[in-house]
Amino acid sequence: MKKLTSFFVLCFGLVLLSAFVRPSGGYQVGDTATDFKLKNVDGKLMSLADNKAAKGFIVVFTCNTCPYAQAYESRIIDLHKKFAPQGYPVVAINPNDPAVAPGDSFEKMQARATSKKYPFPYLLDETQNVAQTYGATRTPHLYVLTRHGNALKVAYIGAIDDNSEEPTAVKTKYVENALTDIMAGKPAATNSTKAVGCTIKWKKA
């Protein structure tokens, strides 16, 4: 997708023009993830604890407007379709401040989820506390969580795969490989990669 370069310049320009607060810390692989309660596009509040049957979750910080998030949109849907039946559904979270990125408003989230027929929840992190707790910095930014009793442990952090521009040119599917290892009862061979995407649009200080 050759247009990504020009779109990335636009994203970078927004970063320079806005005052951002970068998250400090964040989860590392092996940490226990704290649950949250956020508003879904259907207007209802949702937490991970609501899905007691899940063996874990694919938590993805994403948005409407970032060209990288858009490029990965169908792949995120495919991840849900493949792994939700195996106990690992996608939970998508939009952390962007709509005052900085108006296209990421709750109403625009609802419209996109409907038009793209999202098969997973799409939640609004209005306070941005969840993104900061996780340590997310990009859209998209992926976290694979696995259930251990009542706790959810972080098993993978980073990118979906190794090619943001061309799905047919992907050589390594990081999230799929991690989940394949996890479902085989092993730790992910690659449990951390660099997230590739637009910088999260943080609220002005």
N, C-alpha and C. Protein backbone atom coordinates (compact mmCIF):
# COMPACT_ATOMS: atom_id res chain seq x y z
N MET A 1 0.85 -1.19 0.00
CA MET A 1 0.00 0.00 0.00
C MET A 1 0.88 1.24 0.00
N LYS A 2 1.11 1.77 -1.18
CA LYS A 2 2.06 2.87 -1.34
C LYS A 2 1.59 4.15 -0.66
N LYS A 3 0.28 4.30 -0.46
CA LYS A 3 -0.24 5.53 0.15
C LYS A 3 0.09 5.63 1.63
N LEU A 4 0.56 4.51 2.22
CA LEU A 4 0.86 4.52 3.65
C LEU A 4 1.92 5.54 4.01
N THR A 5 2.89 5.73 3.12
CA THR A 5 3.99 6.65 3.42
C THR A 5 3.46 8.07 3.62
N SER A 6 2.61 8.54 2.70
CA SER A 6 2.08 9.89 2.83
C SER A 6 1.16 10.01 4.03
N PHE A 7 0.38 8.96 4.28
CA PHE A 7 -0.50 8.97 5.44
C PHE A 7 0.32 9.01 6.72
N PHE A 8 1.45 8.28 6.74
CA PHE A 8 2.30 8.27 7.93
C PHE A 8 2.86 9.66 8.22
N VAL A 9 3.20 10.38 7.15
CA VAL A 9 3.68 11.75 7.33
C VAL A 9 2.60 12.60 8.00
N LEU A 10 1.34 12.39 7.59
CA LEU A 10 0.23 13.11 8.20
C LEU A 10 0.11 12.76 9.67
N CYS A 11 0.20 11.46 9.99
CA CYS A 11 0.12 11.02 11.39
C CYS A 11 1.23 11.65 12.21
N PHE A 12 2.45 11.66 11.64
CA PHE A 12 3.59 12.21 12.35
C PHE A 12 3.41 13.70 12.58
N GLY A 13 2.81 14.37 11.58
CA GLY A 13 2.56 15.79 11.74
C GLY A 13 1.61 16.08 12.87
N LEU A 14 0.60 15.23 13.03
CA LEU A 14 -0.34 15.41 14.14
C LEU A 14 0.36 15.26 15.48
N VAL A 15 1.32 14.34 15.52
CA VAL A 15 2.07 14.15 16.76
C VAL A 15 2.82 15.42 17.12
N LEU A 16 3.45 16.03 16.13
CA LEU A 16 4.24 17.23 16.38
C LEU A 16 3.37 18.42 16.77
N LEU A 17 2.16 18.46 16.24
CA LEU A 17 1.29 19.60 16.47
C LEU A 17 0.52 19.51 17.78
N SER A 18 0.53 18.33 18.40
CA SER A 18 -0.27 18.12 19.60
C SER A 18 0.61 17.86 20.81
N ALA A 19 0.06 18.18 21.97
CA ALA A 19 0.78 17.87 23.21
C ALA A 19 0.37 16.49 23.67
N PHE A 20 1.32 15.58 23.80
CA PHE A 20 1.02 14.20 24.13
C PHE A 20 1.67 13.81 25.44
N VAL A 21 0.97 12.95 26.16
CA VAL A 21 1.52 12.37 27.37
C VAL A 21 1.83 10.91 27.08
N ARG A 22 3.09 10.54 27.10
CA ARG A 22 3.46 9.17 26.81
C ARG A 22 3.30 8.31 28.05
N PRO A 23 2.80 7.08 27.90
CA PRO A 23 2.66 6.21 29.07
C PRO A 23 4.01 5.79 29.60
N SER A 24 4.14 5.75 30.90
CA SER A 24 5.36 5.26 31.51
C SER A 24 5.11 3.86 32.03
N GLY A 25 6.08 3.00 31.86
CA GLY A 25 5.90 1.63 32.33
C GLY A 25 5.06 0.83 31.35
N GLY A 26 3.98 0.25 31.87
CA GLY A 26 3.16 -0.63 31.03
C GLY A 26 3.51 -2.08 31.29
N TYR A 27 2.70 -2.96 30.73
CA TYR A 27 2.88 -4.39 30.97
C TYR A 27 4.10 -4.95 30.24
N GLN A 28 4.67 -5.96 30.88
CA GLN A 28 5.69 -6.80 30.26
C GLN A 28 5.14 -8.21 30.16
N VAL A 29 5.72 -9.01 29.30
CA VAL A 29 5.29 -10.41 29.19
C VAL A 29 5.43 -11.09 30.55
N GLY A 30 4.38 -11.78 30.96
CA GLY A 30 4.36 -12.45 32.26
C GLY A 30 3.59 -11.69 33.32
N ASP A 31 3.32 -10.39 33.07
CA ASP A 31 2.56 -9.60 34.03
C ASP A 31 1.10 -10.03 34.04
N THR A 32 0.44 -9.75 35.15
CA THR A 32 -1.00 -9.98 35.26
C THR A 32 -1.73 -8.72 34.82
N ALA A 33 -2.65 -8.87 33.89
CA ALA A 33 -3.40 -7.73 33.36
C ALA A 33 -4.61 -7.44 34.24
N THR A 34 -4.79 -6.18 34.56
CA THR A 34 -5.95 -5.73 35.33
C THR A 34 -7.15 -5.60 34.40
N ASP A 35 -8.32 -6.03 34.87
CA ASP A 35 -9.52 -5.92 34.06
C ASP A 35 -9.93 -4.45 33.94
N PHE A 36 -10.82 -4.19 33.01
CA PHE A 36 -11.32 -2.84 32.78
C PHE A 36 -12.81 -2.92 32.46
N LYS A 37 -13.47 -1.79 32.46
CA LYS A 37 -14.88 -1.70 32.06
C LYS A 37 -15.02 -0.49 31.16
N LEU A 38 -15.23 -0.75 29.87
CA LEU A 38 -15.30 0.30 28.87
C LEU A 38 -16.58 0.19 28.05
N LYS A 39 -16.97 1.29 27.44
CA LYS A 39 -18.20 1.32 26.65
C LYS A 39 -17.98 0.76 25.26
N ASN A 40 -18.79 -0.21 24.90
CA ASN A 40 -18.76 -0.81 23.57
C ASN A 40 -19.58 0.05 22.61
N VAL A 41 -19.41 -0.19 21.31
CA VAL A 41 -20.16 0.58 20.32
C VAL A 41 -21.67 0.34 20.40
N ASP A 42 -22.09 -0.71 21.10
CA ASP A 42 -23.52 -0.93 21.29
C ASP A 42 -24.07 -0.13 22.47
N GLY A 43 -23.19 0.66 23.12
CA GLY A 43 -23.59 1.49 24.22
C GLY A 43 -23.51 0.83 25.58
N LYS A 44 -23.19 -0.46 25.61
CA LYS A 44 -23.12 -1.19 26.87
C LYS A 44 -21.69 -1.25 27.39
N LEU A 45 -21.55 -1.24 28.72
CA LEU A 45 -20.23 -1.39 29.32
C LEU A 45 -19.80 -2.84 29.26
N MET A 46 -18.52 -3.06 29.02
CA MET A 46 -17.99 -4.40 28.88
C MET A 46 -16.68 -4.55 29.64
N SER A 47 -16.48 -5.70 30.25
CA SER A 47 -15.20 -6.04 30.87
C SER A 47 -14.79 -7.42 30.39
N LEU A 48 -13.53 -7.74 30.56
CA LEU A 48 -13.05 -9.07 30.17
C LEU A 48 -13.71 -10.15 31.00
N ALA A 49 -14.04 -9.83 32.24
CA ALA A 49 -14.66 -10.81 33.13
C ALA A 49 -16.04 -11.23 32.64
N ASP A 50 -16.63 -10.44 31.74
CA ASP A 50 -17.94 -10.80 31.21
C ASP A 50 -17.90 -12.08 30.40
N ASN A 51 -16.74 -12.38 29.81
CA ASN A 51 -16.57 -13.59 29.00
C ASN A 51 -15.83 -14.64 29.82
N LYS A 52 -16.58 -15.36 30.63
CA LYS A 52 -15.97 -16.33 31.54
C LYS A 52 -15.49 -17.58 30.83
N ALA A 53 -15.99 -17.81 29.62
CA ALA A 53 -15.60 -19.02 28.88
C ALA A 53 -14.28 -18.84 28.12
N ALA A 54 -13.84 -17.61 27.96
CA ALA A 54 -12.62 -17.36 27.18
C ALA A 54 -11.39 -17.93 27.87
N LYS A 55 -10.51 -18.50 27.07
CA LYS A 55 -9.22 -18.99 27.57
C LYS A 55 -8.20 -17.86 27.63
N GLY A 56 -8.54 -16.78 26.96
CA GLY A 56 -7.68 -15.61 26.90
C GLY A 56 -8.27 -14.60 25.94
N PHE A 57 -7.51 -13.59 25.60
CA PHE A 57 -8.01 -12.53 24.73
C PHE A 57 -6.88 -12.00 23.85
N ILE A 58 -7.28 -11.51 22.67
CA ILE A 58 -6.38 -10.74 21.82
C ILE A 58 -6.83 -9.29 21.96
N VAL A 59 -6.15 -8.54 22.80
CA VAL A 59 -6.51 -7.14 23.03
C VAL A 59 -5.72 -6.28 22.05
N VAL A 60 -6.44 -5.52 21.23
CA VAL A 60 -5.76 -4.69 20.24
C VAL A 60 -6.19 -3.24 20.40
N PHE A 61 -5.21 -2.37 20.60
CA PHE A 61 -5.46 -0.94 20.62
C PHE A 61 -5.40 -0.47 19.16
N THR A 62 -6.51 0.07 18.69
CA THR A 62 -6.63 0.45 17.29
C THR A 62 -7.54 1.67 17.19
N CYS A 63 -7.86 2.08 15.98
CA CYS A 63 -8.71 3.27 15.82
C CYS A 63 -9.28 3.29 14.42
N ASN A 64 -10.06 4.32 14.13
CA ASN A 64 -10.67 4.47 12.80
C ASN A 64 -9.71 5.07 11.78
N THR A 65 -8.90 6.04 12.22
CA THR A 65 -8.26 6.96 11.28
C THR A 65 -6.84 6.60 10.86
N CYS A 66 -6.11 5.88 11.68
CA CYS A 66 -4.72 5.57 11.36
C CYS A 66 -4.65 4.65 10.14
N PRO A 67 -3.85 4.99 9.13
CA PRO A 67 -3.76 4.13 7.94
C PRO A 67 -3.21 2.74 8.25
N TYR A 68 -2.37 2.63 9.28
CA TYR A 68 -1.88 1.31 9.66
C TYR A 68 -3.01 0.47 10.26
N ALA A 69 -3.81 1.11 11.10
CA ALA A 69 -4.96 0.41 11.68
C ALA A 69 -5.91 -0.03 10.57
N GLN A 70 -6.12 0.83 9.59
CA GLN A 70 -6.98 0.48 8.46
C GLN A 70 -6.38 -0.66 7.65
N ALA A 71 -5.07 -0.63 7.45
CA ALA A 71 -4.42 -1.69 6.68
C ALA A 71 -4.53 -3.04 7.37
N TYR A 72 -4.55 -3.02 8.70
CA TYR A 72 -4.61 -4.26 9.47
C TYR A 72 -6.04 -4.68 9.82
N GLU A 73 -7.00 -3.86 9.47
CA GLU A 73 -8.38 -4.09 9.90
C GLU A 73 -8.88 -5.48 9.52
N SER A 74 -8.72 -5.87 8.26
CA SER A 74 -9.21 -7.18 7.83
C SER A 74 -8.45 -8.30 8.51
N ARG A 75 -7.17 -8.06 8.81
CA ARG A 75 -6.38 -9.10 9.49
C ARG A 75 -6.81 -9.25 10.95
N ILE A 76 -7.23 -8.16 11.57
CA ILE A 76 -7.75 -8.23 12.93
C ILE A 76 -9.06 -9.02 12.94
N ILE A 77 -9.91 -8.74 11.95
CA ILE A 77 -11.16 -9.50 11.82
C ILE A 77 -10.85 -10.99 11.62
N ASP A 78 -9.87 -11.29 10.78
CA ASP A 78 -9.50 -12.69 10.53
C ASP A 78 -8.97 -13.37 11.80
N LEU A 79 -8.21 -12.62 12.61
CA LEU A 79 -7.72 -13.19 13.87
C LEU A 79 -8.89 -13.61 14.76
N HIS A 80 -9.89 -12.74 14.82
CA HIS A 80 -11.06 -13.07 15.65
C HIS A 80 -11.78 -14.30 15.10
N LYS A 81 -12.00 -14.33 13.81
CA LYS A 81 -12.72 -15.45 13.20
C LYS A 81 -11.98 -16.77 13.39
N LYS A 82 -10.65 -16.71 13.39
CA LYS A 82 -9.87 -17.93 13.53
C LYS A 82 -9.75 -18.37 14.98
N PHE A 83 -9.52 -17.42 15.89
CA PHE A 83 -9.17 -17.81 17.26
C PHE A 83 -10.30 -17.67 18.28
N ALA A 84 -11.32 -16.88 18.00
CA ALA A 84 -12.45 -16.80 18.94
C ALA A 84 -13.09 -18.17 19.17
N PRO A 85 -13.30 -18.99 18.11
CA PRO A 85 -13.87 -20.31 18.35
C PRO A 85 -12.96 -21.22 19.18
N GLN A 86 -11.69 -20.86 19.26
CA GLN A 86 -10.73 -21.65 20.04
C GLN A 86 -10.51 -21.05 21.43
N GLY A 87 -11.29 -20.02 21.74
CA GLY A 87 -11.25 -19.46 23.10
C GLY A 87 -10.48 -18.17 23.25
N TYR A 88 -10.01 -17.58 22.14
CA TYR A 88 -9.22 -16.35 22.20
C TYR A 88 -9.83 -15.28 21.29
N PRO A 89 -10.89 -14.62 21.76
CA PRO A 89 -11.53 -13.58 20.95
C PRO A 89 -10.74 -12.28 20.94
N VAL A 90 -10.98 -11.48 19.92
CA VAL A 90 -10.42 -10.14 19.84
C VAL A 90 -11.27 -9.17 20.66
N VAL A 91 -10.60 -8.28 21.38
CA VAL A 91 -11.25 -7.14 22.02
C VAL A 91 -10.51 -5.91 21.53
N ALA A 92 -11.19 -5.09 20.71
CA ALA A 92 -10.56 -3.89 20.14
C ALA A 92 -10.88 -2.68 21.01
N ILE A 93 -9.87 -1.83 21.20
CA ILE A 93 -10.01 -0.65 22.05
C ILE A 93 -9.48 0.57 21.29
N ASN A 94 -10.28 1.62 21.22
CA ASN A 94 -9.84 2.87 20.61
C ASN A 94 -9.40 3.83 21.72
N PRO A 95 -8.09 4.14 21.81
CA PRO A 95 -7.59 5.02 22.86
C PRO A 95 -7.43 6.47 22.44
N ASN A 96 -7.71 6.79 21.17
CA ASN A 96 -7.41 8.14 20.68
C ASN A 96 -8.35 9.19 21.24
N ASP A 97 -7.81 10.38 21.49
CA ASP A 97 -8.59 11.52 21.94
C ASP A 97 -9.28 12.14 20.72
N PRO A 98 -10.62 12.13 20.66
CA PRO A 98 -11.30 12.70 19.50
C PRO A 98 -11.12 14.20 19.35
N ALA A 99 -10.66 14.87 20.39
CA ALA A 99 -10.36 16.30 20.27
C ALA A 99 -9.15 16.50 19.37
N VAL A 100 -8.28 15.50 19.32
CA VAL A 100 -7.10 15.54 18.45
C VAL A 100 -7.39 14.87 17.11
N ALA A 101 -8.14 13.77 17.16
CA ALA A 101 -8.50 13.01 15.95
C ALA A 101 -10.02 12.88 15.90
N PRO A 102 -10.72 13.87 15.34
CA PRO A 102 -12.19 13.85 15.33
C PRO A 102 -12.79 12.61 14.68
N GLY A 103 -12.06 12.01 13.78
CA GLY A 103 -12.55 10.79 13.13
C GLY A 103 -12.60 9.59 14.04
N ASP A 104 -12.09 9.74 15.26
CA ASP A 104 -12.10 8.64 16.23
C ASP A 104 -13.12 8.86 17.34
N SER A 105 -14.14 9.68 17.05
CA SER A 105 -15.20 9.89 18.03
C SER A 105 -16.01 8.61 18.21
N PHE A 106 -16.77 8.55 19.29
CA PHE A 106 -17.58 7.36 19.56
C PHE A 106 -18.60 7.12 18.43
N GLU A 107 -19.18 8.18 17.93
CA GLU A 107 -20.16 8.04 16.83
C GLU A 107 -19.49 7.49 15.58
N LYS A 108 -18.26 7.94 15.30
CA LYS A 108 -17.54 7.43 14.13
C LYS A 108 -17.11 5.98 14.36
N MET A 109 -16.81 5.63 15.61
CA MET A 109 -16.52 4.23 15.93
C MET A 109 -17.74 3.35 15.63
N GLN A 110 -18.90 3.80 16.05
CA GLN A 110 -20.12 3.04 15.81
C GLN A 110 -20.36 2.85 14.32
N ALA A 111 -20.15 3.91 13.55
CA ALA A 111 -20.36 3.84 12.10
C ALA A 111 -19.39 2.87 11.45
N ARG A 112 -18.11 2.92 11.87
CA ARG A 112 -17.13 2.03 11.25
C ARG A 112 -17.37 0.57 11.63
N ALA A 113 -17.70 0.35 12.88
CA ALA A 113 -17.96 -1.03 13.31
C ALA A 113 -19.13 -1.62 12.54
N THR A 114 -20.12 -0.79 12.24
CA THR A 114 -21.27 -1.26 11.47
C THR A 114 -20.91 -1.50 10.02
N SER A 115 -20.21 -0.53 9.42
CA SER A 115 -19.89 -0.65 7.99
C SER A 115 -18.93 -1.79 7.70
N LYS A 116 -18.01 -2.05 8.63
CA LYS A 116 -17.03 -3.11 8.44
C LYS A 116 -17.47 -4.44 9.05
N LYS A 117 -18.66 -4.42 9.69
CA LYS A 117 -19.22 -5.64 10.28
C LYS A 117 -18.25 -6.29 11.27
N TYR A 118 -17.78 -5.49 12.23
CA TYR A 118 -16.86 -6.03 13.23
C TYR A 118 -17.54 -7.18 13.99
N PRO A 119 -16.89 -8.33 14.06
CA PRO A 119 -17.46 -9.45 14.81
C PRO A 119 -17.03 -9.47 16.26
N PHE A 120 -16.33 -8.42 16.69
CA PHE A 120 -15.78 -8.33 18.04
C PHE A 120 -16.20 -7.00 18.66
N PRO A 121 -16.11 -6.86 19.98
CA PRO A 121 -16.42 -5.58 20.61
C PRO A 121 -15.38 -4.52 20.23
N TYR A 122 -15.85 -3.29 20.14
CA TYR A 122 -14.99 -2.15 19.82
C TYR A 122 -15.25 -1.12 20.91
N LEU A 123 -14.30 -0.99 21.82
CA LEU A 123 -14.49 -0.23 23.05
C LEU A 123 -13.80 1.13 23.00
N LEU A 124 -14.38 2.09 23.71
CA LEU A 124 -13.80 3.43 23.79
C LEU A 124 -13.06 3.60 25.11
N ASP A 125 -11.77 3.89 25.02
CA ASP A 125 -10.96 4.17 26.21
C ASP A 125 -10.95 5.68 26.41
N GLU A 126 -12.08 6.20 26.89
CA GLU A 126 -12.28 7.65 26.93
C GLU A 126 -11.25 8.37 27.79
N THR A 127 -10.88 7.78 28.93
CA THR A 127 -9.90 8.41 29.82
C THR A 127 -8.47 8.11 29.40
N GLN A 128 -8.29 7.15 28.51
CA GLN A 128 -6.98 6.66 28.06
C GLN A 128 -6.23 5.92 29.17
N ASN A 129 -6.89 5.63 30.27
CA ASN A 129 -6.23 4.94 31.39
C ASN A 129 -5.84 3.52 31.05
N VAL A 130 -6.67 2.85 30.25
CA VAL A 130 -6.37 1.46 29.91
C VAL A 130 -5.14 1.39 29.02
N ALA A 131 -5.08 2.26 28.02
CA ALA A 131 -3.91 2.29 27.13
C ALA A 131 -2.64 2.58 27.92
N GLN A 132 -2.71 3.52 28.86
CA GLN A 132 -1.54 3.86 29.65
C GLN A 132 -1.15 2.71 30.58
N THR A 133 -2.15 2.03 31.14
CA THR A 133 -1.85 0.88 32.00
C THR A 133 -1.15 -0.22 31.22
N TYR A 134 -1.64 -0.48 30.01
CA TYR A 134 -1.03 -1.52 29.18
C TYR A 134 0.35 -1.08 28.66
N GLY A 135 0.53 0.21 28.50
CA GLY A 135 1.76 0.70 27.90
C GLY A 135 1.68 0.80 26.40
N ALA A 136 0.45 0.82 25.87
CA ALA A 136 0.27 0.92 24.43
C ALA A 136 0.75 2.28 23.93
N THR A 137 1.39 2.29 22.77
CA THR A 137 1.89 3.53 22.19
C THR A 137 1.46 3.72 20.74
N ARG A 138 0.99 2.66 20.10
CA ARG A 138 0.68 2.70 18.67
C ARG A 138 -0.72 2.18 18.38
N THR A 139 -1.21 2.49 17.20
CA THR A 139 -2.40 1.83 16.68
C THR A 139 -2.02 1.25 15.31
N PRO A 140 -2.04 -0.10 15.21
CA PRO A 140 -2.44 -1.07 16.23
C PRO A 140 -1.28 -1.47 17.15
N HIS A 141 -1.65 -1.91 18.36
CA HIS A 141 -0.71 -2.45 19.34
C HIS A 141 -1.42 -3.63 19.99
N LEU A 142 -0.82 -4.83 19.88
CA LEU A 142 -1.48 -6.07 20.27
C LEU A 142 -0.95 -6.63 21.60
N TYR A 143 -1.88 -7.19 22.38
CA TYR A 143 -1.54 -7.89 23.62
C TYR A 143 -2.33 -9.20 23.66
N VAL A 144 -1.63 -10.31 23.73
CA VAL A 144 -2.30 -11.60 23.89
C VAL A 144 -2.30 -11.95 25.37
N LEU A 145 -3.49 -12.17 25.91
CA LEU A 145 -3.65 -12.52 27.32
C LEU A 145 -4.09 -13.98 27.43
N THR A 146 -3.57 -14.69 28.42
CA THR A 146 -3.97 -16.07 28.66
C THR A 146 -4.50 -16.22 30.08
N ARG A 147 -5.52 -17.04 30.22
CA ARG A 147 -6.15 -17.21 31.53
C ARG A 147 -5.39 -18.23 32.37
N HIS A 148 -5.13 -17.84 33.62
CA HIS A 148 -4.51 -18.72 34.61
C HIS A 148 -5.36 -18.62 35.87
N GLY A 149 -6.31 -19.54 36.01
CA GLY A 149 -7.27 -19.43 37.10
C GLY A 149 -8.13 -18.20 36.88
N ASN A 150 -8.15 -17.30 37.84
CA ASN A 150 -8.91 -16.06 37.69
C ASN A 150 -8.09 -14.92 37.13
N ALA A 151 -6.80 -15.17 36.90
CA ALA A 151 -5.90 -14.12 36.42
C ALA A 151 -5.70 -14.21 34.92
N LEU A 152 -5.41 -13.06 34.31
CA LEU A 152 -5.06 -13.00 32.90
C LEU A 152 -3.61 -12.53 32.80
N LYS A 153 -2.77 -13.37 32.20
CA LYS A 153 -1.34 -13.08 32.08
C LYS A 153 -1.02 -12.62 30.66
N VAL A 154 -0.11 -11.68 30.55
CA VAL A 154 0.34 -11.19 29.25
C VAL A 154 1.32 -12.20 28.65
N ALA A 155 0.98 -12.71 27.46
CA ALA A 155 1.81 -13.73 26.82
C ALA A 155 2.53 -13.23 25.57
N TYR A 156 2.04 -12.14 24.99
CA TYR A 156 2.66 -11.58 23.79
C TYR A 156 2.31 -10.10 23.72
N ILE A 157 3.27 -9.29 23.25
CA ILE A 157 3.08 -7.85 23.05
C ILE A 157 3.72 -7.44 21.73
N GLY A 158 3.00 -6.65 20.93
CA GLY A 158 3.66 -6.08 19.76
C GLY A 158 2.81 -6.00 18.52
N ALA A 159 3.41 -6.39 17.39
CA ALA A 159 2.78 -6.26 16.08
C ALA A 159 2.00 -7.53 15.72
N ILE A 160 1.13 -7.40 14.72
CA ILE A 160 0.35 -8.54 14.24
C ILE A 160 1.23 -9.45 13.39
N ASP A 161 2.00 -8.85 12.49
CA ASP A 161 2.87 -9.61 11.61
C ASP A 161 4.01 -8.72 11.14
N ASP A 162 4.76 -9.19 10.16
CA ASP A 162 5.98 -8.46 9.76
C ASP A 162 5.82 -7.62 8.50
N ASN A 163 4.57 -7.39 8.05
CA ASN A 163 4.40 -6.56 6.86
C ASN A 163 3.11 -5.77 6.96
N SER A 164 3.23 -4.50 7.32
CA SER A 164 2.04 -3.67 7.50
C SER A 164 1.42 -3.25 6.17
N GLU A 165 2.21 -3.28 5.10
CA GLU A 165 1.74 -2.73 3.84
C GLU A 165 1.05 -3.75 2.94
N GLU A 166 1.53 -4.99 2.95
CA GLU A 166 1.02 -5.96 1.99
C GLU A 166 0.75 -7.30 2.65
N PRO A 167 -0.51 -7.65 2.88
CA PRO A 167 -0.83 -8.90 3.55
C PRO A 167 -0.27 -10.14 2.85
N THR A 168 -0.23 -10.11 1.52
CA THR A 168 0.25 -11.29 0.79
C THR A 168 1.76 -11.47 0.89
N ALA A 169 2.46 -10.42 1.37
CA ALA A 169 3.92 -10.50 1.49
C ALA A 169 4.37 -10.83 2.91
N VAL A 170 3.42 -11.09 3.81
CA VAL A 170 3.76 -11.42 5.19
C VAL A 170 4.55 -12.72 5.24
N LYS A 171 5.66 -12.71 5.97
CA LYS A 171 6.47 -13.91 6.15
C LYS A 171 6.29 -14.51 7.54
N THR A 172 6.08 -13.65 8.53
CA THR A 172 5.95 -14.14 9.90
C THR A 172 4.71 -13.54 10.54
N LYS A 173 3.78 -14.41 10.94
CA LYS A 173 2.54 -13.98 11.60
C LYS A 173 2.74 -14.10 13.10
N TYR A 174 3.19 -13.00 13.71
CA TYR A 174 3.60 -13.03 15.12
C TYR A 174 2.47 -13.48 16.05
N VAL A 175 1.30 -12.89 15.91
CA VAL A 175 0.20 -13.21 16.83
C VAL A 175 -0.28 -14.64 16.60
N GLU A 176 -0.44 -15.04 15.35
CA GLU A 176 -0.88 -16.41 15.07
C GLU A 176 0.13 -17.42 15.59
N ASN A 177 1.41 -17.16 15.39
CA ASN A 177 2.44 -18.08 15.86
C ASN A 177 2.44 -18.17 17.38
N ALA A 178 2.27 -17.01 18.04
CA ALA A 178 2.23 -17.00 19.50
C ALA A 178 1.06 -17.82 20.02
N LEU A 179 -0.11 -17.65 19.41
CA LEU A 179 -1.29 -18.39 19.85
C LEU A 179 -1.17 -19.88 19.54
N THR A 180 -0.53 -20.22 18.44
CA THR A 180 -0.30 -21.63 18.13
C THR A 180 0.56 -22.28 19.21
N ASP A 181 1.60 -21.58 19.64
CA ASP A 181 2.45 -22.09 20.73
C ASP A 181 1.65 -22.21 22.02
N ILE A 182 0.90 -21.17 22.34
CA ILE A 182 0.14 -21.13 23.59
C ILE A 182 -0.87 -22.27 23.64
N MET A 183 -1.57 -22.49 22.55
CA MET A 183 -2.59 -23.54 22.52
C MET A 183 -1.99 -24.94 22.55
N ALA A 184 -0.68 -25.01 22.23
CA ALA A 184 0.03 -26.29 22.33
C ALA A 184 0.63 -26.47 23.72
N GLY A 185 0.33 -25.53 24.63
CA GLY A 185 0.82 -25.63 26.00
C GLY A 185 2.22 -25.12 26.20
N LYS A 186 2.72 -24.32 25.24
CA LYS A 186 4.08 -23.80 25.33
C LYS A 186 4.05 -22.28 25.40
N PRO A 187 5.08 -21.65 25.96
CA PRO A 187 5.16 -20.19 25.87
C PRO A 187 5.44 -19.78 24.43
N ALA A 188 5.03 -18.59 24.06
CA ALA A 188 5.27 -18.11 22.70
C ALA A 188 6.77 -18.03 22.44
N ALA A 189 7.21 -18.63 21.33
CA ALA A 189 8.64 -18.61 20.99
C ALA A 189 9.11 -17.18 20.79
N THR A 190 8.29 -16.38 20.14
CA THR A 190 8.53 -14.93 20.02
C THR A 190 7.42 -14.24 20.79
N ASN A 191 7.74 -13.66 21.94
CA ASN A 191 6.69 -13.09 22.78
C ASN A 191 6.65 -11.57 22.79
N SER A 192 7.54 -10.95 22.02
CA SER A 192 7.55 -9.49 21.97
C SER A 192 8.14 -9.01 20.66
N THR A 193 7.46 -8.09 20.01
CA THR A 193 7.96 -7.45 18.80
C THR A 193 7.65 -5.95 18.88
N LYS A 194 8.15 -5.19 17.96
CA LYS A 194 7.91 -3.75 17.93
C LYS A 194 6.58 -3.48 17.24
N ALA A 195 5.67 -2.81 17.94
CA ALA A 195 4.40 -2.42 17.34
C ALA A 195 4.65 -1.38 16.25
N VAL A 196 3.96 -1.55 15.13
CA VAL A 196 4.11 -0.64 14.00
C VAL A 196 2.77 0.04 13.75
N GLY A 197 2.74 1.37 13.78
CA GLY A 197 1.50 2.08 13.55
C GLY A 197 1.64 3.55 13.89
N CYS A 198 0.52 4.26 13.87
CA CYS A 198 0.50 5.67 14.23
C CYS A 198 0.60 5.82 15.75
N THR A 199 1.21 6.89 16.19
CA THR A 199 1.28 7.17 17.61
C THR A 199 -0.13 7.45 18.15
N ILE A 200 -0.44 6.91 19.32
CA ILE A 200 -1.72 7.17 19.95
C ILE A 200 -1.87 8.69 20.18
N LYS A 201 -3.06 9.20 19.91
CA LYS A 201 -3.33 10.63 20.05
C LYS A 201 -3.77 10.90 21.49
N TRP A 202 -2.79 11.27 22.33
CA TRP A 202 -3.06 11.47 23.76
C TRP A 202 -3.71 12.82 24.02
N LYS A 203 -4.43 12.90 25.09
CA LYS A 203 -5.04 14.16 25.51
C LYS A 203 -3.94 15.17 25.81
N LYS A 204 -4.23 16.41 25.57
CA LYS A 204 -3.26 17.46 25.85
C LYS A 204 -3.12 17.61 27.37
N ALA A 205 -1.90 17.83 27.79
CA ALA A 205 -1.61 17.97 29.22
C ALA A 205 -2.26 19.22 29.78
